[in-house]
Amino acid sequence: MTSMIEGTDRLRDILGDDPNIAEKKMFGGVAFMLNGNMLCGYTNKGKLMVRVGKELEAEARKLPGAQDMDFTGKKMGGMLFVDEAALEDDAALNQWIALATKFVGALPPK
């Protein structure tokens, strides 16, 4: 099982030194913000969460590992968890991050 620390380190490696990316404690874990908007992150239980928006959610659900994100028993629209088995290689993780960046990058900065 991927830990929050391992997952967060992988995201740091992929997101690099982009000055528009910031880390923030959220959802009991660490989230990465793009221009102040939540992009992705890992929960304290080692689950990857991605923000793909309602516009890209149908496309994202076609990717392996897509799961509803529901902290309170209610699905959060435009937000997904990704099963860790679908993230064994960096290419798969990069695909998820690219999809999230496509949505979040189009949002106005906060």
PDB file of N, CA and C in Angstrom:
ATOM      1  N   MET A   1       0.840  -1.188   0.000  1.00  0.00           N
ATOM      2  CA  MET A   1       0.000   0.000   0.000  1.00  0.00           C
ATOM      3  C   MET A   1       0.881   1.245   0.000  1.00  0.00           C
ATOM      4  N   THR A   2       0.563   2.179  -0.862  1.00  0.00           N
ATOM      5  CA  THR A   2       1.303   3.429  -0.947  1.00  0.00           C
ATOM      6  C   THR A   2       0.980   4.287   0.266  1.00  0.00           C
ATOM      7  N   SER A   3       2.001   4.828   0.886  1.00  0.00           N
ATOM      8  CA  SER A   3       1.768   5.742   1.999  1.00  0.00           C
ATOM      9  C   SER A   3       1.583   7.155   1.450  1.00  0.00           C
ATOM     10  N   MET A   4       1.036   8.023   2.289  1.00  0.00           N
ATOM     11  CA  MET A   4       0.865   9.412   1.897  1.00  0.00           C
ATOM     12  C   MET A   4       2.222  10.019   1.534  1.00  0.00           C
ATOM     13  N   ILE A   5       3.248   9.682   2.292  1.00  0.00           N
ATOM     14  CA  ILE A   5       4.581  10.241   2.053  1.00  0.00           C
ATOM     15  C   ILE A   5       5.128   9.770   0.707  1.00  0.00           C
ATOM     16  N   GLU A   6       5.014   8.475   0.421  1.00  0.00           N
ATOM     17  CA  GLU A   6       5.498   7.943  -0.864  1.00  0.00           C
ATOM     18  C   GLU A   6       4.740   8.566  -2.040  1.00  0.00           C
ATOM     19  N   GLY A   7       3.440   8.640  -1.910  1.00  0.00           N
ATOM     20  CA  GLY A   7       2.628   9.218  -2.980  1.00  0.00           C
ATOM     21  C   GLY A   7       2.930  10.689  -3.192  1.00  0.00           C
ATOM     22  N   THR A   8       3.069  11.415  -2.095  1.00  0.00           N
ATOM     23  CA  THR A   8       3.388  12.837  -2.182  1.00  0.00           C
ATOM     24  C   THR A   8       4.748  13.050  -2.831  1.00  0.00           C
ATOM     25  N   ASP A   9       5.710  12.214  -2.496  1.00  0.00           N
ATOM     26  CA  ASP A   9       7.037  12.314  -3.121  1.00  0.00           C
ATOM     27  C   ASP A   9       6.955  12.073  -4.626  1.00  0.00           C
ATOM     28  N   ARG A  10       6.156  11.110  -5.042  1.00  0.00           N
ATOM     29  CA  ARG A  10       5.985  10.853  -6.483  1.00  0.00           C
ATOM     30  C   ARG A  10       5.375  12.066  -7.179  1.00  0.00           C
ATOM     31  N   LEU A  11       4.382  12.678  -6.532  1.00  0.00           N
ATOM     32  CA  LEU A  11       3.771  13.864  -7.128  1.00  0.00           C
ATOM     33  C   LEU A  11       4.778  15.004  -7.219  1.00  0.00           C
ATOM     34  N   ARG A  12       5.579  15.186  -6.183  1.00  0.00           N
ATOM     35  CA  ARG A  12       6.615  16.230  -6.218  1.00  0.00           C
ATOM     36  C   ARG A  12       7.560  16.011  -7.396  1.00  0.00           C
ATOM     37  N   ASP A  13       7.957  14.761  -7.614  1.00  0.00           N
ATOM     38  CA  ASP A  13       8.860  14.447  -8.731  1.00  0.00           C
ATOM     39  C   ASP A  13       8.224  14.801 -10.075  1.00  0.00           C
ATOM     40  N   ILE A  14       6.945  14.517 -10.221  1.00  0.00           N
ATOM     41  CA  ILE A  14       6.257  14.774 -11.490  1.00  0.00           C
ATOM     42  C   ILE A  14       5.981  16.262 -11.687  1.00  0.00           C
ATOM     43  N   LEU A  15       5.543  16.929 -10.628  1.00  0.00           N
ATOM     44  CA  LEU A  15       5.179  18.341 -10.750  1.00  0.00           C
ATOM     45  C   LEU A  15       6.401  19.252 -10.787  1.00  0.00           C
ATOM     46  N   GLY A  16       7.537  18.752 -10.304  1.00  0.00           N
ATOM     47  CA  GLY A  16       8.795  19.487 -10.399  1.00  0.00           C
ATOM     48  C   GLY A  16       8.802  20.796  -9.641  1.00  0.00           C
ATOM     49  N   ASP A  17       9.527  21.731 -10.202  1.00  0.00           N
ATOM     50  CA  ASP A  17       9.732  23.028  -9.551  1.00  0.00           C
ATOM     51  C   ASP A  17       8.841  24.121 -10.130  1.00  0.00           C
ATOM     52  N   ASP A  18       7.692  23.755 -10.618  1.00  0.00           N
ATOM     53  CA  ASP A  18       6.766  24.729 -11.200  1.00  0.00           C
ATOM     54  C   ASP A  18       6.413  25.777 -10.138  1.00  0.00           C
ATOM     55  N   PRO A  19       6.695  27.058 -10.399  1.00  0.00           N
ATOM     56  CA  PRO A  19       6.405  28.093  -9.396  1.00  0.00           C
ATOM     57  C   PRO A  19       4.911  28.303  -9.161  1.00  0.00           C
ATOM     58  N   ASN A  20       4.066  27.767 -10.036  1.00  0.00           N
ATOM     59  CA  ASN A  20       2.617  27.901  -9.875  1.00  0.00           C
ATOM     60  C   ASN A  20       2.016  26.798  -9.012  1.00  0.00           C
ATOM     61  N   ILE A  21       2.856  25.849  -8.573  1.00  0.00           N
ATOM     62  CA  ILE A  21       2.405  24.733  -7.737  1.00  0.00           C
ATOM     63  C   ILE A  21       2.784  25.006  -6.284  1.00  0.00           C
ATOM     64  N   ALA A  22       1.834  24.796  -5.391  1.00  0.00           N
ATOM     65  CA  ALA A  22       2.085  24.923  -3.952  1.00  0.00           C
ATOM     66  C   ALA A  22       1.470  23.719  -3.250  1.00  0.00           C
ATOM     67  N   GLU A  23       2.038  23.358  -2.121  1.00  0.00           N
ATOM     68  CA  GLU A  23       1.500  22.266  -1.302  1.00  0.00           C
ATOM     69  C   GLU A  23       0.669  22.848  -0.171  1.00  0.00           C
ATOM     70  N   LYS A  24      -0.398  22.122   0.185  1.00  0.00           N
ATOM     71  CA  LYS A  24      -1.276  22.566   1.262  1.00  0.00           C
ATOM     72  C   LYS A  24      -1.847  21.343   1.963  1.00  0.00           C
ATOM     73  N   LYS A  25      -1.934  21.390   3.278  1.00  0.00           N
ATOM     74  CA  LYS A  25      -2.574  20.304   4.016  1.00  0.00           C
ATOM     75  C   LYS A  25      -4.078  20.398   3.787  1.00  0.00           C
ATOM     76  N   MET A  26      -4.646  19.278   3.325  1.00  0.00           N
ATOM     77  CA  MET A  26      -6.080  19.219   3.013  1.00  0.00           C
ATOM     78  C   MET A  26      -6.560  17.788   3.112  1.00  0.00           C
ATOM     79  N   PHE A  27      -7.809  17.598   3.452  1.00  0.00           N
ATOM     80  CA  PHE A  27      -8.427  16.270   3.461  1.00  0.00           C
ATOM     81  C   PHE A  27      -7.613  15.271   4.278  1.00  0.00           C
ATOM     82  N   GLY A  28      -6.952  15.718   5.329  1.00  0.00           N
ATOM     83  CA  GLY A  28      -6.144  14.825   6.154  1.00  0.00           C
ATOM     84  C   GLY A  28      -4.868  14.382   5.481  1.00  0.00           C
ATOM     85  N   GLY A  29      -4.480  15.041   4.420  1.00  0.00           N
ATOM     86  CA  GLY A  29      -3.261  14.682   3.693  1.00  0.00           C
ATOM     87  C   GLY A  29      -2.605  15.911   3.114  1.00  0.00           C
ATOM     88  N   VAL A  30      -2.013  15.747   1.941  1.00  0.00           N
ATOM     89  CA  VAL A  30      -1.331  16.849   1.270  1.00  0.00           C
ATOM     90  C   VAL A  30      -1.933  17.030  -0.113  1.00  0.00           C
ATOM     91  N   ALA A  31      -2.311  18.264  -0.417  1.00  0.00           N
ATOM     92  CA  ALA A  31      -2.844  18.593  -1.737  1.00  0.00           C
ATOM     93  C   ALA A  31      -1.852  19.493  -2.459  1.00  0.00           C
ATOM     94  N   PHE A  32      -1.858  19.392  -3.767  1.00  0.00           N
ATOM     95  CA  PHE A  32      -1.053  20.267  -4.602  1.00  0.00           C
ATOM     96  C   PHE A  32      -1.999  21.232  -5.285  1.00  0.00           C
ATOM     97  N   MET A  33      -1.664  22.505  -5.186  1.00  0.00           N
ATOM     98  CA  MET A  33      -2.492  23.566  -5.725  1.00  0.00           C
ATOM     99  C   MET A  33      -1.818  24.134  -6.967  1.00  0.00           C
ATOM    100  N   LEU A  34      -2.589  24.369  -8.012  1.00  0.00           N
ATOM    101  CA  LEU A  34      -2.099  25.014  -9.225  1.00  0.00           C
ATOM    102  C   LEU A  34      -2.758  26.383  -9.296  1.00  0.00           C
ATOM    103  N   ASN A  35      -1.965  27.432  -9.200  1.00  0.00           N
ATOM    104  CA  ASN A  35      -2.480  28.809  -9.182  1.00  0.00           C
ATOM    105  C   ASN A  35      -3.552  28.993  -8.109  1.00  0.00           C
ATOM    106  N   GLY A  36      -3.389  28.310  -6.982  1.00  0.00           N
ATOM    107  CA  GLY A  36      -4.310  28.434  -5.861  1.00  0.00           C
ATOM    108  C   GLY A  36      -5.505  27.499  -5.903  1.00  0.00           C
ATOM    109  N   ASN A  37      -5.654  26.719  -6.962  1.00  0.00           N
ATOM    110  CA  ASN A  37      -6.766  25.773  -7.103  1.00  0.00           C
ATOM    111  C   ASN A  37      -6.270  24.353  -6.876  1.00  0.00           C
ATOM    112  N   MET A  38      -7.046  23.564  -6.132  1.00  0.00           N
ATOM    113  CA  MET A  38      -6.644  22.192  -5.840  1.00  0.00           C
ATOM    114  C   MET A  38      -6.539  21.385  -7.132  1.00  0.00           C
ATOM    115  N   LEU A  39      -5.395  20.711  -7.311  1.00  0.00           N
ATOM    116  CA  LEU A  39      -5.107  19.911  -8.495  1.00  0.00           C
ATOM    117  C   LEU A  39      -5.196  18.422  -8.184  1.00  0.00           C
ATOM    118  N   CYS A  40      -4.436  18.000  -7.183  1.00  0.00           N
ATOM    119  CA  CYS A  40      -4.347  16.586  -6.831  1.00  0.00           C
ATOM    120  C   CYS A  40      -3.712  16.484  -5.451  1.00  0.00           C
ATOM    121  N   GLY A  41      -3.627  15.272  -4.937  1.00  0.00           N
ATOM    122  CA  GLY A  41      -2.970  15.073  -3.654  1.00  0.00           C
ATOM    123  C   GLY A  41      -3.159  13.659  -3.157  1.00  0.00           C
ATOM    124  N   TYR A  42      -2.634  13.437  -1.977  1.00  0.00           N
ATOM    125  CA  TYR A  42      -2.773  12.134  -1.328  1.00  0.00           C
ATOM    126  C   TYR A  42      -3.407  12.325   0.037  1.00  0.00           C
ATOM    127  N   THR A  43      -4.349  11.449   0.364  1.00  0.00           N
ATOM    128  CA  THR A  43      -4.957  11.468   1.689  1.00  0.00           C
ATOM    129  C   THR A  43      -4.008  10.811   2.682  1.00  0.00           C
ATOM    130  N   ASN A  44      -4.326  10.936   3.948  1.00  0.00           N
ATOM    131  CA  ASN A  44      -3.503  10.292   4.982  1.00  0.00           C
ATOM    132  C   ASN A  44      -3.618   8.771   4.938  1.00  0.00           C
ATOM    133  N   LYS A  45      -4.539   8.260   4.136  1.00  0.00           N
ATOM    134  CA  LYS A  45      -4.682   6.808   3.956  1.00  0.00           C
ATOM    135  C   LYS A  45      -3.990   6.331   2.674  1.00  0.00           C
ATOM    136  N   GLY A  46      -3.235   7.228   2.028  1.00  0.00           N
ATOM    137  CA  GLY A  46      -2.471   6.855   0.843  1.00  0.00           C
ATOM    138  C   GLY A  46      -3.278   6.745  -0.431  1.00  0.00           C
ATOM    139  N   LYS A  47      -4.407   7.465  -0.503  1.00  0.00           N
ATOM    140  CA  LYS A  47      -5.236   7.435  -1.718  1.00  0.00           C
ATOM    141  C   LYS A  47      -4.980   8.693  -2.537  1.00  0.00           C
ATOM    142  N   LEU A  48      -4.723   8.483  -3.833  1.00  0.00           N
ATOM    143  CA  LEU A  48      -4.572   9.621  -4.734  1.00  0.00           C
ATOM    144  C   LEU A  48      -5.944  10.214  -5.013  1.00  0.00           C
ATOM    145  N   MET A  49      -6.035  11.536  -4.908  1.00  0.00           N
ATOM    146  CA  MET A  49      -7.253  12.244  -5.273  1.00  0.00           C
ATOM    147  C   MET A  49      -6.886  13.221  -6.384  1.00  0.00           C
ATOM    148  N   VAL A  50      -7.739  13.304  -7.383  1.00  0.00           N
ATOM    149  CA  VAL A  50      -7.509  14.204  -8.508  1.00  0.00           C
ATOM    150  C   VAL A  50      -8.765  15.022  -8.772  1.00  0.00           C
ATOM    151  N   ARG A  51      -8.538  16.261  -9.171  1.00  0.00           N
ATOM    152  CA  ARG A  51      -9.656  17.143  -9.518  1.00  0.00           C
ATOM    153  C   ARG A  51      -9.699  17.253 -11.037  1.00  0.00           C
ATOM    154  N   VAL A  52     -10.685  16.634 -11.627  1.00  0.00           N
ATOM    155  CA  VAL A  52     -10.824  16.640 -13.086  1.00  0.00           C
ATOM    156  C   VAL A  52     -12.007  17.493 -13.545  1.00  0.00           C
ATOM    157  N   GLY A  53     -12.793  17.969 -12.607  1.00  0.00           N
ATOM    158  CA  GLY A  53     -13.957  18.779 -12.948  1.00  0.00           C
ATOM    159  C   GLY A  53     -15.077  17.940 -13.539  1.00  0.00           C
ATOM    160  N   LYS A  54     -16.251  18.465 -13.452  1.00  0.00           N
ATOM    161  CA  LYS A  54     -17.409  17.733 -13.985  1.00  0.00           C
ATOM    162  C   LYS A  54     -17.322  17.598 -15.506  1.00  0.00           C
ATOM    163  N   GLU A  55     -16.659  18.570 -16.157  1.00  0.00           N
ATOM    164  CA  GLU A  55     -16.543  18.545 -17.617  1.00  0.00           C
ATOM    165  C   GLU A  55     -15.711  17.368 -18.111  1.00  0.00           C
ATOM    166  N   LEU A  56     -14.687  16.968 -17.358  1.00  0.00           N
ATOM    167  CA  LEU A  56     -13.783  15.896 -17.772  1.00  0.00           C
ATOM    168  C   LEU A  56     -14.002  14.593 -17.004  1.00  0.00           C
ATOM    169  N   GLU A  57     -15.001  14.577 -16.131  1.00  0.00           N
ATOM    170  CA  GLU A  57     -15.209  13.395 -15.289  1.00  0.00           C
ATOM    171  C   GLU A  57     -15.530  12.146 -16.111  1.00  0.00           C
ATOM    172  N   ALA A  58     -16.348  12.263 -17.130  1.00  0.00           N
ATOM    173  CA  ALA A  58     -16.685  11.087 -17.957  1.00  0.00           C
ATOM    174  C   ALA A  58     -15.433  10.542 -18.640  1.00  0.00           C
ATOM    175  N   GLU A  59     -14.582  11.428 -19.144  1.00  0.00           N
ATOM    176  CA  GLU A  59     -13.322  11.005 -19.767  1.00  0.00           C
ATOM    177  C   GLU A  59     -12.419  10.324 -18.737  1.00  0.00           C
ATOM    178  N   ALA A  60     -12.345  10.904 -17.550  1.00  0.00           N
ATOM    179  CA  ALA A  60     -11.490  10.354 -16.491  1.00  0.00           C
ATOM    180  C   ALA A  60     -11.970   8.982 -16.035  1.00  0.00           C
ATOM    181  N   ARG A  61     -13.263   8.781 -16.018  1.00  0.00           N
ATOM    182  CA  ARG A  61     -13.810   7.492 -15.568  1.00  0.00           C
ATOM    183  C   ARG A  61     -13.469   6.345 -16.515  1.00  0.00           C
ATOM    184  N   LYS A  62     -13.032   6.652 -17.715  1.00  0.00           N
ATOM    185  CA  LYS A  62     -12.611   5.617 -18.666  1.00  0.00           C
ATOM    186  C   LYS A  62     -11.204   5.110 -18.357  1.00  0.00           C
ATOM    187  N   LEU A  63     -10.454   5.861 -17.551  1.00  0.00           N
ATOM    188  CA  LEU A  63      -9.094   5.452 -17.197  1.00  0.00           C
ATOM    189  C   LEU A  63      -9.139   4.385 -16.105  1.00  0.00           C
ATOM    190  N   PRO A  64      -8.182   3.466 -16.111  1.00  0.00           N
ATOM    191  CA  PRO A  64      -8.147   2.434 -15.069  1.00  0.00           C
ATOM    192  C   PRO A  64      -7.995   3.046 -13.674  1.00  0.00           C
ATOM    193  N   GLY A  65      -8.754   2.510 -12.740  1.00  0.00           N
ATOM    194  CA  GLY A  65      -8.609   2.889 -11.337  1.00  0.00           C
ATOM    195  C   GLY A  65      -9.503   3.996 -10.841  1.00  0.00           C
ATOM    196  N   ALA A  66     -10.310   4.609 -11.704  1.00  0.00           N
ATOM    197  CA  ALA A  66     -11.168   5.720 -11.285  1.00  0.00           C
ATOM    198  C   ALA A  66     -12.205   5.244 -10.277  1.00  0.00           C
ATOM    199  N   GLN A  67     -12.338   5.990  -9.191  1.00  0.00           N
ATOM    200  CA  GLN A  67     -13.308   5.680  -8.134  1.00  0.00           C
ATOM    201  C   GLN A  67     -13.944   6.972  -7.647  1.00  0.00           C
ATOM    202  N   ASP A  68     -15.187   6.871  -7.173  1.00  0.00           N
ATOM    203  CA  ASP A  68     -15.838   8.029  -6.573  1.00  0.00           C
ATOM    204  C   ASP A  68     -15.031   8.521  -5.384  1.00  0.00           C
ATOM    205  N   MET A  69     -14.962   9.835  -5.228  1.00  0.00           N
ATOM    206  CA  MET A  69     -14.342  10.422  -4.042  1.00  0.00           C
ATOM    207  C   MET A  69     -15.474  10.828  -3.115  1.00  0.00           C
ATOM    208  N   ASP A  70     -15.532  10.177  -1.970  1.00  0.00           N
ATOM    209  CA  ASP A  70     -16.596  10.462  -1.011  1.00  0.00           C
ATOM    210  C   ASP A  70     -16.067  10.340   0.409  1.00  0.00           C
ATOM    211  N   PHE A  71     -15.806  11.477   1.011  1.00  0.00           N
ATOM    212  CA  PHE A  71     -15.320  11.479   2.387  1.00  0.00           C
ATOM    213  C   PHE A  71     -16.459  11.314   3.382  1.00  0.00           C
ATOM    214  N   THR A  72     -17.620  11.830   3.037  1.00  0.00           N
ATOM    215  CA  THR A  72     -18.735  11.857   3.979  1.00  0.00           C
ATOM    216  C   THR A  72     -19.864  10.927   3.574  1.00  0.00           C
ATOM    217  N   GLY A  73     -19.620  10.067   2.593  1.00  0.00           N
ATOM    218  CA  GLY A  73     -20.667   9.198   2.088  1.00  0.00           C
ATOM    219  C   GLY A  73     -21.391   9.815   0.907  1.00  0.00           C
ATOM    220  N   LYS A  74     -21.049  11.066   0.590  1.00  0.00           N
ATOM    221  CA  LYS A  74     -21.644  11.745  -0.558  1.00  0.00           C
ATOM    222  C   LYS A  74     -20.549  11.985  -1.594  1.00  0.00           C
ATOM    223  N   LYS A  75     -20.821  11.588  -2.839  1.00  0.00           N
ATOM    224  CA  LYS A  75     -19.862  11.746  -3.927  1.00  0.00           C
ATOM    225  C   LYS A  75     -19.561  13.222  -4.166  1.00  0.00           C
ATOM    226  N   MET A  76     -18.284  13.520  -4.370  1.00  0.00           N
ATOM    227  CA  MET A  76     -17.860  14.884  -4.685  1.00  0.00           C
ATOM    228  C   MET A  76     -17.700  14.990  -6.203  1.00  0.00           C
ATOM    229  N   GLY A  77     -18.575  15.713  -6.855  1.00  0.00           N
ATOM    230  CA  GLY A  77     -18.532  15.854  -8.306  1.00  0.00           C
ATOM    231  C   GLY A  77     -17.232  16.476  -8.788  1.00  0.00           C
ATOM    232  N   GLY A  78     -16.687  15.923  -9.848  1.00  0.00           N
ATOM    233  CA  GLY A  78     -15.458  16.452 -10.424  1.00  0.00           C
ATOM    234  C   GLY A  78     -14.195  16.035  -9.709  1.00  0.00           C
ATOM    235  N   MET A  79     -14.341  15.262  -8.640  1.00  0.00           N
ATOM    236  CA  MET A  79     -13.199  14.776  -7.854  1.00  0.00           C
ATOM    237  C   MET A  79     -13.226  13.252  -7.864  1.00  0.00           C
ATOM    238  N   LEU A  80     -12.069  12.647  -8.033  1.00  0.00           N
ATOM    239  CA  LEU A  80     -11.984  11.189  -8.054  1.00  0.00           C
ATOM    240  C   LEU A  80     -10.820  10.697  -7.211  1.00  0.00           C
ATOM    241  N   PHE A  81     -10.975   9.516  -6.658  1.00  0.00           N
ATOM    242  CA  PHE A  81      -9.856   8.753  -6.128  1.00  0.00           C
ATOM    243  C   PHE A  81      -9.367   7.867  -7.262  1.00  0.00           C
ATOM    244  N   VAL A  82      -8.092   7.485  -7.204  1.00  0.00           N
ATOM    245  CA  VAL A  82      -7.542   6.557  -8.185  1.00  0.00           C
ATOM    246  C   VAL A  82      -6.970   5.372  -7.428  1.00  0.00           C
ATOM    247  N   ASP A  83      -7.424   4.175  -7.772  1.00  0.00           N
ATOM    248  CA  ASP A  83      -6.950   2.954  -7.127  1.00  0.00           C
ATOM    249  C   ASP A  83      -5.447   2.814  -7.331  1.00  0.00           C
ATOM    250  N   GLU A  84      -4.735   2.475  -6.261  1.00  0.00           N
ATOM    251  CA  GLU A  84      -3.272   2.428  -6.350  1.00  0.00           C
ATOM    252  C   GLU A  84      -2.756   1.381  -7.329  1.00  0.00           C
ATOM    253  N   ALA A  85      -3.508   0.323  -7.576  1.00  0.00           N
ATOM    254  CA  ALA A  85      -3.073  -0.699  -8.534  1.00  0.00           C
ATOM    255  C   ALA A  85      -2.951  -0.120  -9.944  1.00  0.00           C
ATOM    256  N   ALA A  86      -3.695   0.948 -10.215  1.00  0.00           N
ATOM    257  CA  ALA A  86      -3.651   1.590 -11.529  1.00  0.00           C
ATOM    258  C   ALA A  86      -2.509   2.595 -11.644  1.00  0.00           C
ATOM    259  N   LEU A  87      -1.737   2.752 -10.572  1.00  0.00           N
ATOM    260  CA  LEU A  87      -0.685   3.775 -10.540  1.00  0.00           C
ATOM    261  C   LEU A  87       0.705   3.190 -10.372  1.00  0.00           C
ATOM    262  N   GLU A  88       0.868   1.942 -10.765  1.00  0.00           N
ATOM    263  CA  GLU A  88       2.153   1.290 -10.529  1.00  0.00           C
ATOM    264  C   GLU A  88       3.291   1.908 -11.321  1.00  0.00           C
ATOM    265  N   ASP A  89       2.996   2.481 -12.486  1.00  0.00           N
ATOM    266  CA  ASP A  89       4.084   3.111 -13.238  1.00  0.00           C
ATOM    267  C   ASP A  89       3.830   4.613 -13.366  1.00  0.00           C
ATOM    268  N   ASP A  90       4.909   5.348 -13.604  1.00  0.00           N
ATOM    269  CA  ASP A  90       4.799   6.803 -13.670  1.00  0.00           C
ATOM    270  C   ASP A  90       3.973   7.276 -14.863  1.00  0.00           C
ATOM    271  N   ALA A  91       3.936   6.492 -15.942  1.00  0.00           N
ATOM    272  CA  ALA A  91       3.144   6.886 -17.113  1.00  0.00           C
ATOM    273  C   ALA A  91       1.665   7.003 -16.742  1.00  0.00           C
ATOM    274  N   ALA A  92       1.162   6.067 -15.954  1.00  0.00           N
ATOM    275  CA  ALA A  92      -0.242   6.110 -15.532  1.00  0.00           C
ATOM    276  C   ALA A  92      -0.496   7.312 -14.629  1.00  0.00           C
ATOM    277  N   LEU A  93       0.404   7.541 -13.682  1.00  0.00           N
ATOM    278  CA  LEU A  93       0.251   8.693 -12.790  1.00  0.00           C
ATOM    279  C   LEU A  93       0.314   9.988 -13.597  1.00  0.00           C
ATOM    280  N   ASN A  94       1.237  10.067 -14.538  1.00  0.00           N
ATOM    281  CA  ASN A  94       1.344  11.252 -15.395  1.00  0.00           C
ATOM    282  C   ASN A  94       0.059  11.506 -16.172  1.00  0.00           C
ATOM    283  N   GLN A  95      -0.595  10.439 -16.611  1.00  0.00           N
ATOM    284  CA  GLN A  95      -1.849  10.580 -17.357  1.00  0.00           C
ATOM    285  C   GLN A  95      -2.924  11.226 -16.483  1.00  0.00           C
ATOM    286  N   TRP A  96      -3.011  10.795 -15.236  1.00  0.00           N
ATOM    287  CA  TRP A  96      -3.981  11.378 -14.311  1.00  0.00           C
ATOM    288  C   TRP A  96      -3.660  12.843 -14.031  1.00  0.00           C
ATOM    289  N   ILE A  97      -2.383  13.138 -13.813  1.00  0.00           N
ATOM    290  CA  ILE A  97      -1.987  14.516 -13.512  1.00  0.00           C
ATOM    291  C   ILE A  97      -2.250  15.415 -14.724  1.00  0.00           C
ATOM    292  N   ALA A  98      -2.000  14.910 -15.918  1.00  0.00           N
ATOM    293  CA  ALA A  98      -2.256  15.694 -17.131  1.00  0.00           C
ATOM    294  C   ALA A  98      -3.740  16.031 -17.264  1.00  0.00           C
ATOM    295  N   LEU A  99      -4.601  15.078 -16.961  1.00  0.00           N
ATOM    296  CA  LEU A  99      -6.039  15.315 -17.055  1.00  0.00           C
ATOM    297  C   LEU A  99      -6.477  16.352 -16.019  1.00  0.00           C
ATOM    298  N   ALA A 100      -5.975  16.224 -14.803  1.00  0.00           N
ATOM    299  CA  ALA A 100      -6.299  17.200 -13.759  1.00  0.00           C
ATOM    300  C   ALA A 100      -5.775  18.585 -14.140  1.00  0.00           C
ATOM    301  N   THR A 101      -4.573  18.641 -14.695  1.00  0.00           N
ATOM    302  CA  THR A 101      -3.980  19.917 -15.093  1.00  0.00           C
ATOM    303  C   THR A 101      -4.774  20.563 -16.225  1.00  0.00           C
ATOM    304  N   LYS A 102      -5.308  19.755 -17.115  1.00  0.00           N
ATOM    305  CA  LYS A 102      -6.138  20.266 -18.215  1.00  0.00           C
ATOM    306  C   LYS A 102      -7.333  21.036 -17.658  1.00  0.00           C
ATOM    307  N   PHE A 103      -7.966  20.486 -16.623  1.00  0.00           N
ATOM    308  CA  PHE A 103      -9.122  21.157 -16.023  1.00  0.00           C
ATOM    309  C   PHE A 103      -8.693  22.329 -15.145  1.00  0.00           C
ATOM    310  N   VAL A 104      -7.836  22.054 -14.180  1.00  0.00           N
ATOM    311  CA  VAL A 104      -7.474  23.074 -13.187  1.00  0.00           C
ATOM    312  C   VAL A 104      -6.702  24.228 -13.830  1.00  0.00           C
ATOM    313  N   GLY A 105      -5.891  23.924 -14.834  1.00  0.00           N
ATOM    314  CA  GLY A 105      -5.134  24.978 -15.510  1.00  0.00           C
ATOM    315  C   GLY A 105      -6.011  25.988 -16.229  1.00  0.00           C
ATOM    316  N   ALA A 106      -7.240  25.621 -16.534  1.00  0.00           N
ATOM    317  CA  ALA A 106      -8.174  26.527 -17.208  1.00  0.00           C
ATOM    318  C   ALA A 106      -8.967  27.388 -16.221  1.00  0.00           C
ATOM    319  N   LEU A 107      -8.844  27.106 -14.929  1.00  0.00           N
ATOM    320  CA  LEU A 107      -9.565  27.882 -13.918  1.00  0.00           C
ATOM    321  C   LEU A 107      -8.842  29.203 -13.662  1.00  0.00           C
ATOM    322  N   PRO A 108      -9.588  30.243 -13.265  1.00  0.00           N
ATOM    323  CA  PRO A 108      -8.914  31.500 -12.924  1.00  0.00           C
ATOM    324  C   PRO A 108      -8.077  31.321 -11.656  1.00  0.00           C
ATOM    325  N   PRO A 109      -6.915  31.972 -11.595  1.00  0.00           N
ATOM    326  CA  PRO A 109      -6.083  31.869 -10.383  1.00  0.00           C
ATOM    327  C   PRO A 109      -6.824  32.425  -9.170  1.00  0.00           C
ATOM    328  N   LYS A 110      -6.493  31.883  -8.006  1.00  0.00           N
ATOM    329  CA  LYS A 110      -7.077  32.395  -6.753  1.00  0.00           C
ATOM    330  C   LYS A 110      -6.082  33.317  -6.088  1.00  0.00           C
TER     331      LYS A 110
END
